[in-house]
Amino acid sequence: MRTNGTLINYYFHCKRQCWLHGNRINMEDNSEDVHIGKIIHELKSEGKKNSEISIENIKIDKITKDYLVEIKKSDADVEAVKWQVLLYIFILKNKGISRKGKIEFQEKNKQKNKIIYVELTEENELKLKRLIKDIDQLLEEENAPEIGKIKGCKKCAYYEYCYI
């Protein structure tokens, strides 16, 4: 599986979650949080022509003249979504499309702002390439990483898989 935004996001949350998803063990259909996220996307994009664009193995929530926009339910893991957006910008760049990133949070818990902006700098691009290599190596492992108790485990779509 080629690295996509979901894998990058999961890699930051939990290496086990990333490995499971990357090895086609899908538990998202049972997750209420995933369903809520999908509904938010549907409501935000209703009647708009520049929303939910699929390119290669990624889905971009929205693209404008200046920004690639990612819409998230909450700001629970800003670092994860930042790298997800940087991957999308990188893929667009390789297709000759230049955009900055804009992350919109529907609920803000930790951040002061509901909107965060990101740019693909040379430094970020190098880090992103290393991150993709790390994810590729993780997915090639024969077994999933051990369970690591993480703050968000109980809300994770894979909770039942890991703990029950």
N, C-alpha and C. Protein backbone atom coordinates (compact mmCIF):
# COMPACT_ATOMS: atom_id res chain seq x y z
N MET A 1 0.86 -1.18 0.00
CA MET A 1 0.00 0.00 0.00
C MET A 1 0.89 1.23 0.00
N ARG A 2 0.60 2.16 -0.89
CA ARG A 2 1.35 3.41 -0.90
C ARG A 2 0.88 4.30 0.24
N THR A 3 1.81 5.04 0.78
CA THR A 3 1.49 5.91 1.91
C THR A 3 0.46 6.96 1.47
N ASN A 4 -0.58 7.07 2.27
CA ASN A 4 -1.61 8.08 2.03
C ASN A 4 -1.80 8.90 3.30
N GLY A 5 -2.73 9.83 3.27
CA GLY A 5 -2.95 10.71 4.41
C GLY A 5 -3.39 9.98 5.66
N THR A 6 -4.22 8.98 5.49
CA THR A 6 -4.69 8.21 6.64
C THR A 6 -3.53 7.51 7.33
N LEU A 7 -2.65 6.89 6.54
CA LEU A 7 -1.50 6.19 7.13
C LEU A 7 -0.59 7.15 7.88
N ILE A 8 -0.35 8.33 7.30
CA ILE A 8 0.48 9.32 8.00
C ILE A 8 -0.18 9.72 9.30
N ASN A 9 -1.45 10.00 9.24
CA ASN A 9 -2.19 10.40 10.43
C ASN A 9 -2.11 9.31 11.50
N TYR A 10 -2.35 8.07 11.11
CA TYR A 10 -2.31 6.96 12.06
C TYR A 10 -0.89 6.74 12.60
N TYR A 11 0.11 6.95 11.77
CA TYR A 11 1.50 6.76 12.21
C TYR A 11 1.80 7.65 13.42
N PHE A 12 1.26 8.86 13.40
CA PHE A 12 1.46 9.78 14.52
C PHE A 12 0.64 9.37 15.74
N HIS A 13 -0.56 8.85 15.52
CA HIS A 13 -1.41 8.42 16.64
C HIS A 13 -0.84 7.19 17.30
N CYS A 14 -0.58 6.17 16.45
CA CYS A 14 -0.22 4.86 16.98
C CYS A 14 0.35 4.02 15.85
N LYS A 15 1.57 3.54 16.04
CA LYS A 15 2.23 2.73 15.01
C LYS A 15 1.43 1.44 14.74
N ARG A 16 0.83 0.90 15.76
CA ARG A 16 0.02 -0.32 15.60
C ARG A 16 -1.19 -0.04 14.71
N GLN A 17 -1.87 1.05 14.97
CA GLN A 17 -3.02 1.46 14.17
C GLN A 17 -2.60 1.63 12.71
N CYS A 18 -1.47 2.26 12.48
CA CYS A 18 -0.94 2.47 11.14
C CYS A 18 -0.68 1.12 10.46
N TRP A 19 -0.01 0.21 11.18
CA TRP A 19 0.30 -1.10 10.62
C TRP A 19 -0.97 -1.86 10.26
N LEU A 20 -1.94 -1.87 11.16
CA LEU A 20 -3.19 -2.59 10.93
C LEU A 20 -3.91 -2.04 9.69
N HIS A 21 -4.05 -0.75 9.62
CA HIS A 21 -4.74 -0.14 8.48
C HIS A 21 -3.95 -0.38 7.19
N GLY A 22 -2.64 -0.22 7.26
CA GLY A 22 -1.80 -0.41 6.09
C GLY A 22 -1.76 -1.84 5.60
N ASN A 23 -2.07 -2.77 6.48
CA ASN A 23 -2.14 -4.18 6.10
C ASN A 23 -3.58 -4.63 5.90
N ARG A 24 -4.43 -3.68 5.60
CA ARG A 24 -5.81 -3.89 5.18
C ARG A 24 -6.72 -4.52 6.24
N ILE A 25 -6.42 -4.23 7.49
CA ILE A 25 -7.32 -4.63 8.58
C ILE A 25 -8.10 -3.37 8.92
N ASN A 26 -9.34 -3.33 8.46
CA ASN A 26 -10.13 -2.10 8.53
C ASN A 26 -11.20 -2.21 9.61
N MET A 27 -11.14 -1.29 10.56
CA MET A 27 -12.13 -1.28 11.64
C MET A 27 -12.93 0.03 11.66
N GLU A 28 -12.64 0.92 10.70
CA GLU A 28 -13.27 2.25 10.71
C GLU A 28 -14.78 2.20 10.56
N ASP A 29 -15.31 1.16 9.89
CA ASP A 29 -16.75 1.09 9.67
C ASP A 29 -17.53 1.00 10.97
N ASN A 30 -16.87 0.57 12.05
CA ASN A 30 -17.54 0.43 13.35
C ASN A 30 -17.36 1.65 14.24
N SER A 31 -16.64 2.66 13.77
CA SER A 31 -16.28 3.79 14.62
C SER A 31 -17.26 4.96 14.48
N GLU A 32 -17.82 5.35 15.60
CA GLU A 32 -18.74 6.50 15.62
C GLU A 32 -18.01 7.79 15.24
N ASP A 33 -16.77 7.95 15.71
CA ASP A 33 -16.00 9.15 15.38
C ASP A 33 -15.74 9.25 13.88
N VAL A 34 -15.47 8.12 13.23
CA VAL A 34 -15.25 8.12 11.78
C VAL A 34 -16.54 8.52 11.07
N HIS A 35 -17.68 8.00 11.53
CA HIS A 35 -18.96 8.37 10.93
C HIS A 35 -19.25 9.86 11.10
N ILE A 36 -18.97 10.40 12.27
CA ILE A 36 -19.18 11.83 12.51
C ILE A 36 -18.30 12.65 11.57
N GLY A 37 -17.05 12.25 11.41
CA GLY A 37 -16.14 12.93 10.50
C GLY A 37 -16.66 12.95 9.07
N LYS A 38 -17.20 11.82 8.62
CA LYS A 38 -17.74 11.73 7.26
C LYS A 38 -18.95 12.65 7.09
N ILE A 39 -19.79 12.71 8.12
CA ILE A 39 -20.96 13.59 8.05
C ILE A 39 -20.53 15.05 7.99
N ILE A 40 -19.53 15.43 8.78
CA ILE A 40 -19.01 16.81 8.75
C ILE A 40 -18.52 17.14 7.35
N HIS A 41 -17.79 16.23 6.72
CA HIS A 41 -17.30 16.46 5.36
C HIS A 41 -18.46 16.63 4.38
N GLU A 42 -19.48 15.79 4.50
CA GLU A 42 -20.63 15.89 3.61
C GLU A 42 -21.34 17.23 3.77
N LEU A 43 -21.55 17.65 5.02
CA LEU A 43 -22.23 18.92 5.26
C LEU A 43 -21.41 20.10 4.76
N LYS A 44 -20.09 20.07 4.97
CA LYS A 44 -19.22 21.17 4.53
C LYS A 44 -19.11 21.26 3.02
N SER A 45 -19.26 20.14 2.32
CA SER A 45 -19.06 20.14 0.88
C SER A 45 -20.36 20.16 0.08
N GLU A 46 -21.47 20.10 0.76
CA GLU A 46 -22.76 20.05 0.09
C GLU A 46 -22.95 21.23 -0.86
N GLY A 47 -23.18 20.90 -2.13
CA GLY A 47 -23.44 21.92 -3.13
C GLY A 47 -22.21 22.69 -3.60
N LYS A 48 -21.03 22.30 -3.19
CA LYS A 48 -19.82 23.01 -3.59
C LYS A 48 -19.05 22.16 -4.59
N LYS A 49 -18.51 22.82 -5.63
CA LYS A 49 -17.85 22.07 -6.69
C LYS A 49 -16.36 21.83 -6.43
N ASN A 50 -15.77 22.50 -5.47
CA ASN A 50 -14.32 22.36 -5.24
C ASN A 50 -14.02 21.51 -4.01
N SER A 51 -14.89 20.55 -3.71
CA SER A 51 -14.67 19.74 -2.51
C SER A 51 -14.49 18.27 -2.86
N GLU A 52 -13.80 17.55 -1.95
CA GLU A 52 -13.49 16.12 -2.05
C GLU A 52 -12.97 15.75 -3.44
N ILE A 53 -11.70 15.97 -3.61
CA ILE A 53 -11.02 15.68 -4.86
C ILE A 53 -10.10 14.50 -4.64
N SER A 54 -10.21 13.48 -5.50
CA SER A 54 -9.34 12.31 -5.41
C SER A 54 -8.22 12.43 -6.43
N ILE A 55 -7.00 12.30 -5.93
CA ILE A 55 -5.81 12.30 -6.77
C ILE A 55 -4.95 11.13 -6.30
N GLU A 56 -4.64 10.23 -7.23
CA GLU A 56 -3.87 9.03 -6.89
C GLU A 56 -4.53 8.33 -5.71
N ASN A 57 -3.80 8.22 -4.61
CA ASN A 57 -4.33 7.48 -3.45
C ASN A 57 -4.73 8.40 -2.30
N ILE A 58 -5.01 9.67 -2.61
CA ILE A 58 -5.40 10.62 -1.56
C ILE A 58 -6.75 11.26 -1.90
N LYS A 59 -7.40 11.75 -0.86
CA LYS A 59 -8.64 12.51 -1.03
C LYS A 59 -8.46 13.85 -0.34
N ILE A 60 -8.54 14.89 -1.13
CA ILE A 60 -8.40 16.26 -0.62
C ILE A 60 -9.80 16.78 -0.34
N ASP A 61 -9.99 17.33 0.86
CA ASP A 61 -11.32 17.80 1.23
C ASP A 61 -11.79 18.95 0.35
N LYS A 62 -10.89 19.87 0.06
CA LYS A 62 -11.29 21.06 -0.69
C LYS A 62 -10.03 21.71 -1.24
N ILE A 63 -10.14 22.31 -2.41
CA ILE A 63 -9.01 23.04 -2.96
C ILE A 63 -9.53 24.37 -3.50
N THR A 64 -8.79 25.43 -3.18
CA THR A 64 -9.14 26.77 -3.66
C THR A 64 -7.97 27.29 -4.49
N LYS A 65 -8.09 28.52 -4.93
CA LYS A 65 -7.03 29.13 -5.73
C LYS A 65 -5.70 29.14 -4.99
N ASP A 66 -5.72 29.34 -3.68
CA ASP A 66 -4.50 29.46 -2.89
C ASP A 66 -4.22 28.29 -1.96
N TYR A 67 -5.28 27.57 -1.57
CA TYR A 67 -5.12 26.58 -0.49
C TYR A 67 -5.65 25.20 -0.82
N LEU A 68 -4.99 24.23 -0.24
CA LEU A 68 -5.50 22.88 -0.11
C LEU A 68 -6.07 22.86 1.31
N VAL A 69 -7.35 22.56 1.44
CA VAL A 69 -8.03 22.66 2.73
C VAL A 69 -8.36 21.26 3.25
N GLU A 70 -7.99 21.01 4.49
CA GLU A 70 -8.32 19.76 5.18
C GLU A 70 -9.25 20.12 6.33
N ILE A 71 -10.39 19.45 6.40
CA ILE A 71 -11.38 19.71 7.44
C ILE A 71 -11.33 18.57 8.44
N LYS A 72 -11.17 18.91 9.71
CA LYS A 72 -11.09 17.90 10.77
C LYS A 72 -12.15 18.18 11.83
N LYS A 73 -12.65 17.11 12.41
CA LYS A 73 -13.64 17.23 13.48
C LYS A 73 -13.05 17.95 14.68
N SER A 74 -11.82 17.56 15.07
CA SER A 74 -11.26 18.14 16.28
C SER A 74 -9.76 18.38 16.11
N ASP A 75 -9.22 19.16 17.01
CA ASP A 75 -7.79 19.48 16.98
C ASP A 75 -7.00 18.57 17.92
N ALA A 76 -7.47 17.34 18.08
CA ALA A 76 -6.85 16.42 19.04
C ALA A 76 -5.41 16.08 18.68
N ASP A 77 -5.07 16.03 17.39
CA ASP A 77 -3.71 15.70 17.01
C ASP A 77 -3.27 16.56 15.83
N VAL A 78 -2.89 17.77 16.13
CA VAL A 78 -2.52 18.75 15.10
C VAL A 78 -1.30 18.30 14.31
N GLU A 79 -0.32 17.71 14.98
CA GLU A 79 0.90 17.29 14.30
C GLU A 79 0.60 16.24 13.23
N ALA A 80 -0.28 15.31 13.54
CA ALA A 80 -0.65 14.26 12.58
C ALA A 80 -1.31 14.85 11.34
N VAL A 81 -2.27 15.74 11.54
CA VAL A 81 -2.97 16.32 10.39
C VAL A 81 -2.05 17.27 9.61
N LYS A 82 -1.12 17.92 10.29
CA LYS A 82 -0.16 18.79 9.61
C LYS A 82 0.64 17.98 8.57
N TRP A 83 1.12 16.81 8.96
CA TRP A 83 1.91 15.99 8.04
C TRP A 83 1.03 15.35 6.97
N GLN A 84 -0.21 15.08 7.30
CA GLN A 84 -1.16 14.59 6.30
C GLN A 84 -1.32 15.65 5.20
N VAL A 85 -1.52 16.89 5.59
CA VAL A 85 -1.68 17.98 4.63
C VAL A 85 -0.38 18.21 3.84
N LEU A 86 0.76 18.11 4.51
CA LEU A 86 2.03 18.28 3.80
C LEU A 86 2.21 17.19 2.73
N LEU A 87 1.75 15.98 3.00
CA LEU A 87 1.79 14.92 1.98
C LEU A 87 0.94 15.33 0.78
N TYR A 88 -0.26 15.83 1.03
CA TYR A 88 -1.15 16.24 -0.06
C TYR A 88 -0.51 17.36 -0.89
N ILE A 89 0.07 18.34 -0.21
CA ILE A 89 0.73 19.44 -0.91
C ILE A 89 1.89 18.91 -1.76
N PHE A 90 2.65 17.95 -1.22
CA PHE A 90 3.77 17.34 -1.91
C PHE A 90 3.30 16.63 -3.19
N ILE A 91 2.22 15.88 -3.08
CA ILE A 91 1.67 15.17 -4.25
C ILE A 91 1.21 16.17 -5.30
N LEU A 92 0.54 17.24 -4.87
CA LEU A 92 0.12 18.27 -5.82
C LEU A 92 1.33 18.93 -6.48
N LYS A 93 2.35 19.22 -5.68
CA LYS A 93 3.58 19.84 -6.20
C LYS A 93 4.18 18.99 -7.32
N ASN A 94 4.21 17.68 -7.11
CA ASN A 94 4.75 16.77 -8.12
C ASN A 94 3.91 16.72 -9.39
N LYS A 95 2.71 17.26 -9.33
CA LYS A 95 1.83 17.35 -10.49
C LYS A 95 1.81 18.77 -11.06
N GLY A 96 2.71 19.63 -10.53
CA GLY A 96 2.82 20.99 -11.03
C GLY A 96 1.80 21.96 -10.44
N ILE A 97 1.17 21.58 -9.34
CA ILE A 97 0.16 22.42 -8.70
C ILE A 97 0.73 22.91 -7.38
N SER A 98 0.79 24.23 -7.21
CA SER A 98 1.36 24.81 -6.00
C SER A 98 0.26 25.37 -5.10
N ARG A 99 0.19 24.86 -3.88
CA ARG A 99 -0.78 25.34 -2.90
C ARG A 99 -0.14 25.37 -1.51
N LYS A 100 -0.71 26.18 -0.65
CA LYS A 100 -0.39 26.15 0.77
C LYS A 100 -1.48 25.33 1.44
N GLY A 101 -1.23 24.93 2.67
CA GLY A 101 -2.21 24.12 3.39
C GLY A 101 -2.99 24.93 4.40
N LYS A 102 -4.25 24.57 4.52
CA LYS A 102 -5.14 25.22 5.48
C LYS A 102 -5.92 24.11 6.17
N ILE A 103 -5.80 24.04 7.50
CA ILE A 103 -6.49 23.03 8.27
C ILE A 103 -7.59 23.72 9.07
N GLU A 104 -8.82 23.27 8.89
CA GLU A 104 -9.97 23.84 9.60
C GLU A 104 -10.50 22.82 10.59
N PHE A 105 -10.56 23.21 11.85
CA PHE A 105 -11.09 22.34 12.90
C PHE A 105 -12.52 22.76 13.23
N GLN A 106 -13.43 21.79 13.27
CA GLN A 106 -14.81 22.08 13.60
C GLN A 106 -14.98 22.28 15.11
N GLU A 107 -14.21 21.52 15.89
CA GLU A 107 -14.21 21.68 17.34
C GLU A 107 -12.77 22.00 17.74
N LYS A 108 -12.57 23.00 18.55
CA LYS A 108 -11.20 23.26 19.01
C LYS A 108 -11.15 23.01 20.50
N ASN A 109 -10.18 22.22 20.88
CA ASN A 109 -10.02 21.87 22.28
C ASN A 109 -8.69 22.38 22.82
N LYS A 110 -7.63 22.18 22.04
CA LYS A 110 -6.29 22.50 22.51
C LYS A 110 -5.72 23.77 21.87
N GLN A 111 -6.12 24.04 20.65
CA GLN A 111 -5.57 25.17 19.92
C GLN A 111 -6.38 26.44 20.18
N LYS A 112 -5.73 27.57 20.02
CA LYS A 112 -6.43 28.85 20.17
C LYS A 112 -7.22 29.16 18.91
N ASN A 113 -6.72 28.69 17.76
CA ASN A 113 -7.35 29.00 16.49
C ASN A 113 -8.06 27.78 15.91
N LYS A 114 -9.11 28.06 15.16
CA LYS A 114 -9.83 27.00 14.47
C LYS A 114 -9.19 26.71 13.11
N ILE A 115 -8.26 27.55 12.70
CA ILE A 115 -7.60 27.38 11.40
C ILE A 115 -6.09 27.46 11.60
N ILE A 116 -5.38 26.50 10.99
CA ILE A 116 -3.92 26.48 11.02
C ILE A 116 -3.43 26.41 9.58
N TYR A 117 -2.38 27.15 9.28
CA TYR A 117 -1.80 27.16 7.94
C TYR A 117 -0.46 26.44 7.95
N VAL A 118 -0.17 25.69 6.89
CA VAL A 118 1.11 24.98 6.76
C VAL A 118 1.66 25.18 5.35
N GLU A 119 2.99 25.10 5.24
CA GLU A 119 3.64 25.21 3.94
C GLU A 119 4.67 24.10 3.80
N LEU A 120 4.86 23.65 2.58
CA LEU A 120 5.85 22.62 2.30
C LEU A 120 7.19 23.31 2.03
N THR A 121 8.00 23.42 3.06
CA THR A 121 9.34 23.98 2.92
C THR A 121 10.29 22.86 2.49
N GLU A 122 11.50 23.21 2.12
CA GLU A 122 12.50 22.19 1.77
C GLU A 122 12.74 21.25 2.95
N GLU A 123 12.83 21.84 4.14
CA GLU A 123 13.06 21.04 5.35
C GLU A 123 11.90 20.07 5.59
N ASN A 124 10.66 20.57 5.47
CA ASN A 124 9.49 19.71 5.65
C ASN A 124 9.44 18.61 4.60
N GLU A 125 9.84 18.94 3.40
CA GLU A 125 9.82 17.95 2.33
C GLU A 125 10.80 16.81 2.63
N LEU A 126 11.98 17.14 3.13
CA LEU A 126 12.95 16.11 3.51
C LEU A 126 12.41 15.24 4.65
N LYS A 127 11.80 15.89 5.65
CA LYS A 127 11.22 15.14 6.77
C LYS A 127 10.08 14.24 6.28
N LEU A 128 9.29 14.75 5.35
CA LEU A 128 8.17 13.99 4.81
C LEU A 128 8.68 12.74 4.08
N LYS A 129 9.72 12.88 3.30
CA LYS A 129 10.29 11.74 2.59
C LYS A 129 10.80 10.68 3.57
N ARG A 130 11.43 11.12 4.67
CA ARG A 130 11.88 10.18 5.70
C ARG A 130 10.69 9.50 6.38
N LEU A 131 9.66 10.27 6.63
CA LEU A 131 8.45 9.74 7.26
C LEU A 131 7.81 8.67 6.37
N ILE A 132 7.75 8.92 5.09
CA ILE A 132 7.18 7.94 4.15
C ILE A 132 8.01 6.65 4.17
N LYS A 133 9.34 6.79 4.19
CA LYS A 133 10.22 5.60 4.27
C LYS A 133 9.97 4.84 5.57
N ASP A 134 9.84 5.56 6.68
CA ASP A 134 9.58 4.92 7.97
C ASP A 134 8.25 4.15 7.95
N ILE A 135 7.24 4.75 7.35
CA ILE A 135 5.93 4.09 7.27
C ILE A 135 6.04 2.85 6.38
N ASP A 136 6.72 2.97 5.24
CA ASP A 136 6.90 1.82 4.35
C ASP A 136 7.59 0.68 5.09
N GLN A 137 8.63 0.98 5.87
CA GLN A 137 9.33 -0.04 6.64
C GLN A 137 8.42 -0.68 7.68
N LEU A 138 7.63 0.15 8.36
CA LEU A 138 6.70 -0.37 9.36
C LEU A 138 5.71 -1.35 8.72
N LEU A 139 5.18 -1.00 7.57
CA LEU A 139 4.18 -1.83 6.91
C LEU A 139 4.76 -3.15 6.41
N GLU A 140 6.05 -3.18 6.17
CA GLU A 140 6.71 -4.41 5.72
C GLU A 140 6.98 -5.39 6.86
N GLU A 141 6.87 -4.92 8.09
CA GLU A 141 7.08 -5.81 9.24
C GLU A 141 6.05 -6.94 9.19
N GLU A 142 6.48 -8.12 9.63
CA GLU A 142 5.60 -9.30 9.59
C GLU A 142 4.44 -9.18 10.57
N ASN A 143 4.70 -8.61 11.73
CA ASN A 143 3.67 -8.51 12.76
C ASN A 143 3.43 -7.05 13.15
N ALA A 144 2.23 -6.82 13.67
CA ALA A 144 1.88 -5.48 14.15
C ALA A 144 2.72 -5.15 15.38
N PRO A 145 3.05 -3.88 15.57
CA PRO A 145 3.74 -3.48 16.80
C PRO A 145 2.90 -3.85 18.02
N GLU A 146 3.57 -4.00 19.15
CA GLU A 146 2.88 -4.31 20.40
C GLU A 146 1.90 -3.19 20.75
N ILE A 147 0.91 -3.55 21.54
CA ILE A 147 -0.05 -2.56 22.01
C ILE A 147 0.66 -1.60 22.95
N GLY A 148 0.49 -0.33 22.68
CA GLY A 148 1.06 0.69 23.55
C GLY A 148 -0.10 1.52 24.08
N LYS A 149 -0.26 1.55 25.38
CA LYS A 149 -1.39 2.30 25.95
C LYS A 149 -1.20 3.78 25.64
N ILE A 150 -2.12 4.28 24.86
CA ILE A 150 -2.09 5.67 24.42
C ILE A 150 -3.37 6.34 24.89
N LYS A 151 -3.29 7.60 25.13
CA LYS A 151 -4.42 8.37 25.66
C LYS A 151 -5.71 8.13 24.87
N GLY A 152 -5.63 8.06 23.55
CA GLY A 152 -6.83 7.96 22.72
C GLY A 152 -7.30 6.55 22.41
N CYS A 153 -6.73 5.54 23.04
CA CYS A 153 -7.06 4.15 22.71
C CYS A 153 -8.57 3.86 22.78
N LYS A 154 -9.23 4.35 23.81
CA LYS A 154 -10.65 4.00 23.98
C LYS A 154 -11.53 4.57 22.88
N LYS A 155 -11.08 5.63 22.20
CA LYS A 155 -11.86 6.21 21.11
C LYS A 155 -11.45 5.68 19.75
N CYS A 156 -10.40 4.87 19.71
CA CYS A 156 -9.85 4.36 18.46
C CYS A 156 -10.75 3.31 17.83
N ALA A 157 -10.85 3.33 16.51
CA ALA A 157 -11.63 2.34 15.77
C ALA A 157 -11.10 0.93 15.98
N TYR A 158 -9.82 0.80 16.36
CA TYR A 158 -9.19 -0.51 16.54
C TYR A 158 -9.19 -0.97 18.00
N TYR A 159 -9.87 -0.27 18.86
CA TYR A 159 -9.87 -0.61 20.28
C TYR A 159 -10.28 -2.07 20.52
N GLU A 160 -11.37 -2.49 19.91
CA GLU A 160 -11.85 -3.87 20.12
C GLU A 160 -10.81 -4.87 19.62
N TYR A 161 -10.17 -4.57 18.50
CA TYR A 161 -9.18 -5.47 17.94
C TYR A 161 -8.01 -5.65 18.91
N CYS A 162 -7.58 -4.55 19.50
CA CYS A 162 -6.41 -4.58 20.37
C CYS A 162 -6.70 -5.11 21.78
N TYR A 163 -7.87 -4.82 22.31
CA TYR A 163 -8.11 -5.07 23.72
C TYR A 163 -9.17 -6.12 24.04
N ILE A 164 -9.95 -6.52 23.06
CA ILE A 164 -11.04 -7.46 23.37
C ILE A 164 -10.83 -8.77 22.63
